[in-house]
Amino acid sequence: MTHAFTPPTLTGSGATYSVRRPGGDRPRWTDTHDSVVSAVGLAAAHATIAGWPGYAKTTQHHLPGLAAKLGVADISLKDESTRFGLGSFKALGGAYAVARLLQRLAGETLDREVTMSEITGRAVPEIAAATTVCCATDGNHGRSVAWGARNFGCRCVIFIHATVSEGRKAAIEAYGAEVRRCSGNYDDSVREAQATADREGWFVVSDTSYPGYMDVPKDVMQGYELMADEAFSDLANPPTHVFLQTGVGGMAAAVAANAVRRWGDDRPAIVLCDPDRAACWLDSLVAGEPVAVDGDLDTLMAGLACGEVSALAWQILADFTDAVIALPDRTAIEAMKLVANPVLGDPAVVAGESAVAGLAGLIAALQDKQLAANLGLDRGSRIALFSTEGDTDPELYRDLVGRSAAEVLCESAA
């Protein structure tokens, strides 16, 4: 890394943070970054995904009441709870990667160029039916891969780890996938999926990358970038700060990439936010190299319970991250309730426990004067947030917020 991060600092809210040490110019976008995600790749993803039945831009809420309450100029919140009926932004990544994989396999089998319309139109059913895709998941990515496999005609096996809820397991099975539960944490299930695929001749469609496995996760990230492109294209003024929940980092890297390519040196500050029980990005950025977090990673923010950063995401975020925050689980519950109970006329938003780390990170930063000063957060700041899932575990959502998603939205509309 060109610029080191400061040692971790504890805030009064119980969050821990690190910021990039000053010195030197901001890194520029290079061909190396472009080899991970690019404008050309985004255009291809948009052309494919926009043609799927049910595609529509998701809602981008502006929350002037919350902005006034927190003391900033503007807060925009991209709401992914309605994406293709799957309840999260993951619909853009896994399913698109399945389609791209089948396109490559069909081209190799038929020894000709196979169009994406042939794949999405099931024009090569024998090839699709002979293909099995698999992945490890905390819930949402597996649902997207299973949905894509069903839509395009291939078999699907999903690996979940010990603490994934039965509700999320059932939601994946509803799309026709076989679900296998593994012992250990998310990273253990990633290894189990890869080992099984190697043994059985299956194809892994993962949203994380590691040595020897890079191509498919690039397609996943290009799908994710469509969310960022929609969001940033609809803003009247560019944001000054983007707070992003991170996990393995694919989504955050895709959003950061779009911001850097779009605005260059005038890009917003990029702040990564994760649970403190799975703070692999905090540890890695402070160390200057990927560092694995061991243990059961037992966090309420299940979709972010990842102990190892994605190698591809590291190539983007190591250069363009300005700060990283690790948050206690209680901050996620507080943020879920905050958007479910809007202030001063804002719309209610149904945001799941893994959707709100960015908002929780913003609140923690504003509560710490030194961190706010380091990030240039003030009353003129324009904040971009991404609510990346809705109530993907409805029972847990009701337990945490005190009402169902339907009740939250009904009360807001009344």
Protein backbone atom coordinates (compact mmCIF):
# COMPACT_ATOMS: atom_id res chain seq x y z
CA MET A 1 0.00 0.00 0.00
CA THR A 2 1.11 3.52 -0.73
CA HIS A 3 -0.25 5.14 2.42
CA ALA A 4 -0.54 3.45 5.82
CA PHE A 5 -3.53 3.69 8.14
CA THR A 6 -3.43 4.98 11.69
CA PRO A 7 -3.53 2.58 14.65
CA PRO A 8 -7.10 1.63 15.64
CA THR A 9 -8.89 4.16 17.86
CA LEU A 10 -11.94 3.48 20.04
CA THR A 11 -14.84 5.93 19.87
CA GLY A 12 -17.23 6.81 22.64
CA SER A 13 -19.93 4.79 20.87
CA GLY A 14 -17.86 1.62 21.13
CA ALA A 15 -16.84 1.61 17.46
CA THR A 16 -13.20 1.27 16.45
CA TYR A 17 -11.76 3.14 13.49
CA SER A 18 -8.66 3.86 11.47
CA VAL A 19 -8.06 6.58 8.91
CA ARG A 20 -5.54 6.87 6.11
CA ARG A 21 -2.49 8.84 7.15
CA PRO A 22 -2.12 12.09 5.21
CA GLY A 23 0.66 12.45 2.70
CA GLY A 24 0.89 12.35 -1.08
CA ASP A 25 -1.76 12.63 -3.74
CA ARG A 26 -4.82 10.43 -3.86
CA PRO A 27 -4.22 7.31 -5.96
CA ARG A 28 -5.49 7.49 -9.55
CA TRP A 29 -7.48 4.87 -11.44
CA THR A 30 -5.13 2.67 -13.46
CA ASP A 31 -5.23 -0.24 -15.90
CA THR A 32 -4.66 -2.55 -12.93
CA HIS A 33 -7.90 -1.37 -11.35
CA ASP A 34 -9.62 -1.54 -14.73
CA SER A 35 -8.71 -5.22 -14.98
CA VAL A 36 -10.98 -5.84 -11.98
CA VAL A 37 -14.03 -3.71 -12.84
CA SER A 38 -14.34 -1.35 -15.80
CA ALA A 39 -16.70 0.88 -17.73
CA VAL A 40 -16.78 -1.73 -20.50
CA GLY A 41 -17.71 -4.46 -18.03
CA LEU A 42 -20.39 -2.26 -16.50
CA ALA A 43 -21.93 -1.60 -19.92
CA ALA A 44 -22.09 -5.35 -20.61
CA ALA A 45 -23.67 -6.04 -17.23
CA HIS A 46 -26.23 -3.29 -17.71
CA ALA A 47 -27.15 -4.51 -21.19
CA THR A 48 -27.79 -8.01 -19.84
CA ILE A 49 -29.48 -7.26 -16.52
CA ALA A 50 -31.69 -4.47 -17.86
CA GLY A 51 -33.20 -7.03 -20.26
CA TRP A 52 -34.30 -9.43 -17.53
CA PRO A 53 -38.03 -9.52 -16.73
CA GLY A 54 -38.75 -7.37 -13.71
CA TYR A 55 -35.72 -5.10 -14.03
CA ALA A 56 -36.26 -1.58 -12.71
CA LYS A 57 -34.11 0.93 -10.93
CA THR A 58 -34.53 0.60 -7.21
CA THR A 59 -35.69 3.58 -5.18
CA GLN A 60 -33.22 6.15 -3.98
CA HIS A 61 -34.60 7.88 -0.91
CA HIS A 62 -33.56 11.34 0.16
CA LEU A 63 -33.79 11.73 3.92
CA PRO A 64 -33.75 15.45 4.77
CA GLY A 65 -35.19 14.80 8.22
CA LEU A 66 -32.44 12.36 9.15
CA ALA A 67 -29.82 14.67 7.62
CA ALA A 68 -31.03 17.54 9.81
CA LYS A 69 -31.10 15.29 12.87
CA LEU A 70 -27.53 14.15 12.29
CA GLY A 71 -26.24 17.56 11.26
CA VAL A 72 -25.30 17.06 7.59
CA ALA A 73 -26.62 18.63 4.40
CA ASP A 74 -28.05 15.59 2.63
CA ILE A 75 -28.44 11.81 2.99
CA SER A 76 -29.35 9.64 0.02
CA LEU A 77 -30.19 5.99 0.64
CA LYS A 78 -30.36 3.49 -2.23
CA ASP A 79 -32.99 0.92 -1.23
CA GLU A 80 -32.26 -2.57 -2.61
CA SER A 81 -35.08 -4.34 -0.75
CA THR A 82 -37.16 -4.72 -3.95
CA ARG A 83 -34.46 -5.87 -6.37
CA PHE A 84 -36.01 -8.59 -8.60
CA GLY A 85 -38.11 -9.75 -5.66
CA LEU A 86 -35.03 -11.28 -4.00
CA GLY A 87 -34.77 -8.64 -1.31
CA SER A 88 -31.18 -7.54 -1.84
CA PHE A 89 -28.59 -6.13 -4.23
CA LYS A 90 -27.08 -9.62 -4.51
CA ALA A 91 -29.59 -10.31 -7.31
CA LEU A 92 -27.34 -8.20 -9.55
CA GLY A 93 -24.20 -10.24 -8.95
CA GLY A 94 -24.70 -13.98 -8.55
CA ALA A 95 -27.32 -14.42 -11.25
CA TYR A 96 -25.32 -12.33 -13.73
CA ALA A 97 -22.21 -14.40 -13.02
CA VAL A 98 -24.18 -17.62 -13.61
CA ALA A 99 -25.29 -16.29 -17.00
CA ARG A 100 -21.73 -15.29 -17.92
CA LEU A 101 -20.39 -18.68 -16.86
CA LEU A 102 -22.95 -20.53 -18.98
CA GLN A 103 -22.13 -18.25 -21.92
CA ARG A 104 -18.44 -19.18 -21.70
CA LEU A 105 -19.14 -22.90 -21.28
CA ALA A 106 -21.55 -22.95 -24.21
CA GLY A 107 -19.06 -21.14 -26.40
CA GLU A 108 -16.36 -23.68 -25.56
CA THR A 109 -18.71 -26.63 -26.12
CA LEU A 110 -20.13 -25.39 -29.42
CA ASP A 111 -16.86 -23.82 -30.61
CA ARG A 112 -18.59 -20.58 -31.55
CA GLU A 113 -19.59 -17.29 -30.01
CA VAL A 114 -22.72 -17.72 -27.93
CA THR A 115 -24.76 -14.59 -27.29
CA MET A 116 -26.09 -13.65 -23.89
CA SER A 117 -29.62 -13.68 -25.34
CA GLU A 118 -29.14 -17.38 -26.10
CA ILE A 119 -28.33 -18.03 -22.46
CA THR A 120 -31.14 -15.97 -21.00
CA GLY A 121 -33.53 -17.40 -23.61
CA ARG A 122 -32.48 -20.98 -22.80
CA ALA A 123 -31.39 -21.66 -26.37
CA VAL A 124 -28.77 -24.22 -25.25
CA PRO A 125 -30.73 -26.23 -22.65
CA GLU A 126 -28.60 -29.39 -22.82
CA ILE A 127 -25.44 -27.49 -21.88
CA ALA A 128 -27.15 -25.68 -19.02
CA ALA A 129 -28.75 -28.86 -17.68
CA ALA A 130 -25.35 -30.58 -17.60
CA THR A 131 -23.86 -27.77 -15.49
CA THR A 132 -23.91 -27.54 -11.71
CA VAL A 133 -23.07 -24.24 -10.03
CA CYS A 134 -22.37 -23.86 -6.34
CA CYS A 135 -21.25 -21.31 -3.79
CA ALA A 136 -20.97 -20.55 -0.10
CA THR A 137 -23.30 -17.93 1.33
CA ASP A 138 -24.58 -16.16 4.41
CA GLY A 139 -27.93 -16.05 2.63
CA ASN A 140 -28.39 -13.37 -0.02
CA HIS A 141 -25.69 -14.35 -2.52
CA GLY A 142 -26.83 -17.96 -2.45
CA ARG A 143 -30.37 -16.86 -3.14
CA SER A 144 -29.18 -14.92 -6.19
CA VAL A 145 -27.13 -17.83 -7.54
CA ALA A 146 -30.06 -20.22 -7.01
CA TRP A 147 -32.43 -17.79 -8.74
CA GLY A 148 -30.05 -17.44 -11.69
CA ALA A 149 -29.58 -21.20 -11.93
CA ARG A 150 -33.33 -21.72 -12.02
CA ASN A 151 -33.83 -18.99 -14.61
CA PHE A 152 -31.09 -20.26 -16.92
CA GLY A 153 -31.67 -23.99 -16.49
CA CYS A 154 -28.70 -25.37 -14.54
CA ARG A 155 -28.41 -27.32 -11.27
CA CYS A 156 -27.42 -25.49 -8.08
CA VAL A 157 -25.94 -26.54 -4.72
CA ILE A 158 -25.51 -23.92 -1.98
CA PHE A 159 -23.26 -24.30 1.09
CA ILE A 160 -24.22 -22.48 4.29
CA HIS A 161 -22.32 -22.36 7.55
CA ALA A 162 -23.40 -23.23 11.05
CA THR A 163 -25.11 -19.98 12.05
CA VAL A 164 -27.12 -19.20 8.88
CA SER A 165 -30.77 -19.11 9.91
CA GLU A 166 -33.33 -21.70 8.87
CA GLY A 167 -35.36 -18.89 7.32
CA ARG A 168 -32.53 -17.98 4.96
CA LYS A 169 -31.94 -21.66 4.18
CA ALA A 170 -35.61 -22.09 3.22
CA ALA A 171 -35.52 -18.95 1.07
CA ILE A 172 -32.67 -20.44 -0.99
CA GLU A 173 -34.39 -23.82 -1.29
CA ALA A 174 -37.48 -22.06 -2.65
CA TYR A 175 -35.53 -21.43 -5.86
CA GLY A 176 -34.87 -25.15 -6.37
CA ALA A 177 -31.33 -25.32 -4.99
CA GLU A 178 -29.95 -28.08 -2.81
CA VAL A 179 -28.64 -26.54 0.42
CA ARG A 180 -25.87 -28.17 2.45
CA ARG A 181 -25.01 -26.93 5.94
CA CYS A 182 -21.33 -26.99 6.95
CA SER A 183 -19.65 -26.74 10.31
CA GLY A 184 -17.55 -23.66 11.05
CA ASN A 185 -17.87 -20.09 9.80
CA TYR A 186 -18.41 -18.46 6.41
CA ASP A 187 -14.80 -18.88 5.33
CA ASP A 188 -14.98 -22.59 6.15
CA SER A 189 -18.04 -22.91 3.91
CA VAL A 190 -16.16 -21.14 1.09
CA ARG A 191 -13.42 -23.76 1.32
CA GLU A 192 -15.97 -26.60 1.47
CA ALA A 193 -17.74 -25.32 -1.65
CA GLN A 194 -14.47 -25.10 -3.59
CA ALA A 195 -13.30 -28.56 -2.46
CA THR A 196 -16.61 -30.14 -3.42
CA ALA A 197 -16.66 -28.39 -6.80
CA ASP A 198 -13.13 -29.61 -7.54
CA ARG A 199 -14.13 -33.16 -6.66
CA GLU A 200 -17.46 -33.21 -8.51
CA GLY A 201 -16.62 -31.11 -11.56
CA TRP A 202 -18.96 -28.29 -10.53
CA PHE A 203 -18.46 -24.57 -11.03
CA VAL A 204 -18.12 -22.16 -8.10
CA VAL A 205 -19.96 -18.85 -8.46
CA SER A 206 -18.61 -16.92 -5.50
CA ASP A 207 -18.75 -13.27 -4.51
CA THR A 208 -15.30 -13.53 -2.93
CA SER A 209 -12.02 -14.17 -4.73
CA TYR A 210 -8.81 -15.91 -3.74
CA PRO A 211 -5.62 -17.09 -5.47
CA GLY A 212 -6.56 -19.25 -8.43
CA TYR A 213 -10.16 -18.04 -8.47
CA MET A 214 -10.61 -14.59 -9.96
CA ASP A 215 -12.68 -14.54 -13.16
CA VAL A 216 -16.19 -15.31 -11.88
CA PRO A 217 -16.02 -12.84 -8.95
CA LYS A 218 -15.20 -10.09 -11.45
CA ASP A 219 -18.56 -10.76 -13.10
CA VAL A 220 -20.26 -10.65 -9.70
CA MET A 221 -18.67 -7.28 -8.97
CA GLN A 222 -19.62 -5.89 -12.38
CA GLY A 223 -23.21 -6.75 -11.60
CA TYR A 224 -22.96 -4.99 -8.27
CA GLU A 225 -21.59 -1.88 -9.95
CA LEU A 226 -24.92 -1.39 -11.70
CA MET A 227 -26.40 -0.48 -8.30
CA ALA A 228 -23.77 2.23 -7.82
CA ASP A 229 -24.21 3.53 -11.35
CA GLU A 230 -27.96 3.85 -10.86
CA ALA A 231 -27.48 5.63 -7.55
CA PHE A 232 -24.81 8.10 -8.58
CA SER A 233 -26.47 8.90 -11.92
CA ASP A 234 -29.61 10.03 -10.09
CA LEU A 235 -27.87 12.46 -7.71
CA ALA A 236 -28.20 16.16 -8.44
CA ASN A 237 -24.89 16.81 -6.67
CA PRO A 238 -22.03 14.38 -6.08
CA PRO A 239 -21.71 13.06 -2.53
CA THR A 240 -18.87 14.17 -0.33
CA HIS A 241 -18.84 10.85 1.57
CA VAL A 242 -19.90 7.27 0.88
CA PHE A 243 -20.28 4.89 3.84
CA LEU A 244 -20.31 1.23 2.80
CA GLN A 245 -20.89 -2.05 4.60
CA THR A 246 -18.11 -4.31 3.44
CA GLY A 247 -18.07 -8.05 4.21
CA VAL A 248 -15.63 -9.63 1.77
CA GLY A 249 -15.60 -6.29 -0.06
CA GLY A 250 -17.01 -6.99 -3.53
CA MET A 251 -19.92 -4.57 -3.28
CA ALA A 252 -17.87 -1.83 -1.61
CA ALA A 253 -15.14 -2.16 -4.24
CA ALA A 254 -17.68 -1.92 -7.06
CA VAL A 255 -19.23 1.23 -5.56
CA ALA A 256 -15.81 2.78 -4.91
CA ALA A 257 -14.73 1.98 -8.46
CA ASN A 258 -17.73 3.73 -9.95
CA ALA A 259 -17.15 6.78 -7.76
CA VAL A 260 -13.46 7.02 -8.65
CA ARG A 261 -13.99 6.58 -12.39
CA ARG A 262 -16.92 9.03 -12.34
CA TRP A 263 -15.40 11.86 -10.28
CA GLY A 264 -11.64 11.31 -10.30
CA ASP A 265 -9.79 13.59 -7.88
CA ASP A 266 -13.13 15.08 -6.79
CA ARG A 267 -14.47 11.71 -5.66
CA PRO A 268 -16.17 11.36 -2.26
CA ALA A 269 -14.42 9.99 0.79
CA ILE A 270 -14.86 6.20 0.93
CA VAL A 271 -15.53 4.79 4.43
CA LEU A 272 -15.80 1.03 5.03
CA CYS A 273 -18.02 -0.27 7.83
CA ASP A 274 -18.13 -3.76 9.34
CA PRO A 275 -19.13 -5.58 12.54
CA ASP A 276 -16.38 -5.57 15.14
CA ARG A 277 -16.62 -9.38 15.39
CA ALA A 278 -15.65 -9.74 11.72
CA ALA A 279 -13.44 -6.71 11.17
CA CYS A 280 -11.15 -8.14 8.50
CA TRP A 281 -10.96 -4.83 6.63
CA LEU A 282 -9.92 -2.86 9.71
CA ASP A 283 -7.20 -5.36 10.53
CA SER A 284 -6.05 -5.64 6.92
CA LEU A 285 -5.87 -1.93 6.14
CA VAL A 286 -4.01 -1.21 9.37
CA ALA A 287 -1.56 -4.05 8.60
CA GLY A 288 -1.16 -2.97 4.97
CA GLU A 289 -1.94 -6.46 3.70
CA PRO A 290 -4.86 -8.91 3.88
CA VAL A 291 -5.22 -10.31 7.40
CA ALA A 292 -7.63 -13.13 8.25
CA VAL A 293 -9.89 -12.86 11.29
CA ASP A 294 -10.33 -16.23 12.99
CA GLY A 295 -13.12 -17.55 15.20
CA ASP A 296 -16.83 -18.07 14.74
CA LEU A 297 -17.44 -14.48 13.51
CA ASP A 298 -20.66 -14.52 15.51
CA THR A 299 -22.24 -11.20 14.59
CA LEU A 300 -25.85 -10.17 14.19
CA MET A 301 -24.85 -8.70 10.81
CA ALA A 302 -24.72 -12.18 9.28
CA GLY A 303 -24.18 -10.99 5.72
CA LEU A 304 -20.99 -9.26 6.84
CA ALA A 305 -19.65 -12.17 8.92
CA CYS A 306 -16.54 -12.66 6.79
CA GLY A 307 -13.04 -13.23 8.14
CA GLU A 308 -11.06 -12.88 4.91
CA VAL A 309 -11.11 -10.03 2.38
CA SER A 310 -11.67 -10.72 -1.30
CA ALA A 311 -8.38 -10.53 -3.22
CA LEU A 312 -10.02 -8.59 -6.05
CA ALA A 313 -11.74 -6.15 -3.71
CA TRP A 314 -8.39 -5.57 -2.01
CA GLN A 315 -6.92 -4.34 -5.31
CA ILE A 316 -9.53 -1.54 -5.33
CA LEU A 317 -10.15 -0.76 -1.67
CA ALA A 318 -6.53 -0.78 -0.53
CA ASP A 319 -6.00 2.26 -2.76
CA PHE A 320 -9.27 4.14 -2.46
CA THR A 321 -10.43 3.65 1.14
CA ASP A 322 -10.15 6.75 3.34
CA ALA A 323 -11.31 5.26 6.66
CA VAL A 324 -12.58 1.99 8.10
CA ILE A 325 -14.90 1.50 11.07
CA ALA A 326 -15.70 -1.63 13.11
CA LEU A 327 -19.08 -1.46 14.84
CA PRO A 328 -20.79 -3.24 17.75
CA ASP A 329 -23.91 -5.20 16.82
CA ARG A 330 -26.17 -2.90 18.83
CA THR A 331 -25.43 -0.05 16.41
CA ALA A 332 -27.03 -2.08 13.60
CA ILE A 333 -30.22 -2.54 15.61
CA GLU A 334 -30.32 1.18 16.37
CA ALA A 335 -29.87 2.03 12.68
CA MET A 336 -32.58 -0.44 11.60
CA LYS A 337 -35.02 1.18 14.01
CA LEU A 338 -33.96 4.67 12.96
CA VAL A 339 -34.94 4.19 9.30
CA ALA A 340 -38.03 2.16 10.20
CA ASN A 341 -39.26 5.05 12.37
CA PRO A 342 -38.53 8.05 10.13
CA VAL A 343 -38.12 11.57 11.42
CA LEU A 344 -39.62 14.80 10.10
CA GLY A 345 -41.52 13.32 7.19
CA ASP A 346 -38.84 11.03 5.75
CA PRO A 347 -40.08 7.77 4.19
CA ALA A 348 -39.79 4.58 6.20
CA VAL A 349 -37.20 2.12 4.93
CA VAL A 350 -37.14 -1.61 5.65
CA ALA A 351 -33.44 -2.36 6.07
CA GLY A 352 -32.09 -5.68 7.29
CA GLU A 353 -29.36 -6.11 9.86
CA SER A 354 -26.60 -6.33 7.22
CA ALA A 355 -27.93 -3.31 5.30
CA VAL A 356 -27.30 -0.60 7.86
CA ALA A 357 -23.61 -0.78 8.78
CA GLY A 358 -22.96 2.21 6.51
CA LEU A 359 -25.53 4.31 8.37
CA ALA A 360 -24.25 3.04 11.72
CA GLY A 361 -20.74 4.01 10.65
CA LEU A 362 -21.90 7.52 9.70
CA ILE A 363 -23.52 7.97 13.10
CA ALA A 364 -20.40 6.71 14.90
CA ALA A 365 -18.20 9.07 12.87
CA LEU A 366 -20.38 12.08 13.64
CA GLN A 367 -20.28 11.21 17.34
CA ASP A 368 -16.46 11.27 17.40
CA LYS A 369 -15.12 14.79 16.88
CA GLN A 370 -11.65 13.66 15.84
CA LEU A 371 -12.93 11.15 13.30
CA ALA A 372 -15.45 13.64 11.92
CA ALA A 373 -12.69 16.23 11.56
CA ASN A 374 -10.37 13.75 9.85
CA LEU A 375 -13.09 12.91 7.35
CA GLY A 376 -14.24 16.50 6.84
CA LEU A 377 -17.76 15.68 8.02
CA ASP A 378 -19.74 18.84 8.71
CA ARG A 379 -23.05 20.57 7.99
CA GLY A 380 -22.18 20.82 4.30
CA SER A 381 -21.58 17.09 3.85
CA ARG A 382 -23.63 15.08 1.37
CA ILE A 383 -23.78 11.41 2.32
CA ALA A 384 -24.50 8.43 0.03
CA LEU A 385 -25.65 5.21 1.69
CA PHE A 386 -26.78 1.85 0.32
CA SER A 387 -29.44 -0.19 2.11
CA THR A 388 -28.38 -3.46 0.57
CA GLU A 389 -31.14 -5.77 1.86
CA GLY A 390 -34.66 -5.67 3.19
CA ASP A 391 -36.14 -8.13 5.66
CA THR A 392 -34.39 -11.15 4.15
CA ASP A 393 -34.99 -12.92 7.48
CA PRO A 394 -38.53 -11.68 8.29
CA GLU A 395 -38.69 -13.30 11.74
CA LEU A 396 -35.39 -11.76 12.84
CA TYR A 397 -36.42 -8.38 11.41
CA ARG A 398 -39.61 -8.42 13.44
CA ASP A 399 -37.71 -9.38 16.59
CA LEU A 400 -35.19 -6.57 16.17
CA VAL A 401 -37.46 -3.74 14.99
CA GLY A 402 -40.59 -4.73 16.88
CA ARG A 403 -42.81 -4.79 13.78
CA SER A 404 -42.92 -6.64 10.49
CA ALA A 405 -41.78 -5.01 7.26
CA ALA A 406 -45.40 -4.75 6.12
CA GLU A 407 -46.37 -2.97 9.32
CA VAL A 408 -43.46 -0.52 8.99
CA LEU A 409 -44.40 0.40 5.45
CA CYS A 410 -48.14 0.49 6.18
CA GLU A 411 -47.68 2.87 9.10
CA SER A 412 -45.48 5.12 6.99
CA ALA A 413 -48.07 5.27 4.21
CA ALA A 414 -50.92 6.05 6.59
